[in-house]
Amino acid sequence: MTTSTLAAAAPAKPAIGFFERYLTVWVALCIVVGIALGQLLPGVSKAVASVEVAKVNVPVGLLIWVMIIPMLLKIDFGALGQVASHWRGIGVTLFINWAVKPFSMALLGWIFIRHVFAPHLPAEQLDSYVAGLILLAAAPCTAMVFVWSQLCKGDPYFTLSQVALNDAIMVVAFAPIVALLLGLSSITVPWDTLLVSVGLYIVVPVVISQLWRKALLRRGVGHFQAVAARLGPLSISALLLTLVLLFAFQGEAILDQPLVIVLLAVPILVQVVFNSGLAYLLNRKLGVKHCVAGPSALIGASNFFELAVATAISLFGFQSGAALATVVGVLIEVPVMLAVVAVVNRTQGWYEAGQPAS
């Protein structure tokens, strides 16, 4: 893999974009607009929801592609050749992403949703909320990781190779992990819909994005970067429009029990603190450089919420607690991850003081 390809794959400046910086604000506005739309024009949202093929909502499916493909466009699977040079940091991150995070979230969902908060939540949605939390944790973040990594001065080669490896694993591991954890949580697994979702929202976007990436890079790195930059706001806009439709259906439930969103945020926040802290400490114990440990902790804490939202809607529907739970992840993603970035940056001296002598 060439240096120019690496440069094309990652953002050029260590700054968070306008849309991404205020993602929480946009999501909050989507809640208001969606609820208002559902209350004032219920026929519109129902008409959109009725356009389905094989249990997949066509308008939402198209929006998901617009949302996910620009993010996957930034991923260079050629970066997998860099894995060996960062094997300790890669190993820690893989352990957190695939052996700890999904299972810890299932446990947190069981503790908080089925027990601690159960009296304050609608009983018929408890299983669905847990399912949404599992979907949120079952796939590691993709595009936004580049932003978080640069904000903590992370090694771009590590970040790129880790994300490429995670995406490759996700193609084959997402469905089995989700099915296993839903089964352990006594939630019926709609295997046909799950496999269709994996094909539509992981396999097909990966293929399209990589073919498109190669075509763009043939016209030069500058052209690739310009197209990727223009697609960023389009991707976020597709996410926000999807959320408007989702909240148009969730409006009644939210108006009846507004505390639900706050309660769903608790296990997500606990999971972020636990997984990012564990990754950071394991990297320090293994003598991994801070520029690798930072993005490792951030990748371990963040989620591919776009995929989670899409899969939750496909598996359980717009009006499900699962869809709402995944949206809570979107709502708190930016402020929570910025807080993790701040902790990583402020503890660099402490981290490096514990490094083995070279």
Foldseek 3Di string as FASTA:
>chain_A
DDPLLLCLLFDPDLADDPCLQCLLVLLVVLLVLLLVCLVPPVVVLVVQQVCDDPLARVVLLVLLLLQVLLLLLSADLVLLVVCVVQVQLLVLLCCLLAVNQLVLLLVLLCPQLVPVCVVQDDVVFSLLLSLLSSLFRNAFATRCLSNLLSLLLADSSLNRNSNSVRLVCCLPRSLVSSVVSSVVVVHDDPSVLSVVLSCSNRVVSNVVSVVVSVVQCVVPSVSSNVVSVVSVVSNSVSVSVSSSSLSSQQSVVCVVRVCVLVSLVVSLLVSLCVQLVSQLVSCLVVQHALSSSLSSSLRSNGGHLSSSLSSSCSGPNSNHSSNVSSSSSSSCVNVSSVVSSVVSNVCNVVSVVSHDDD
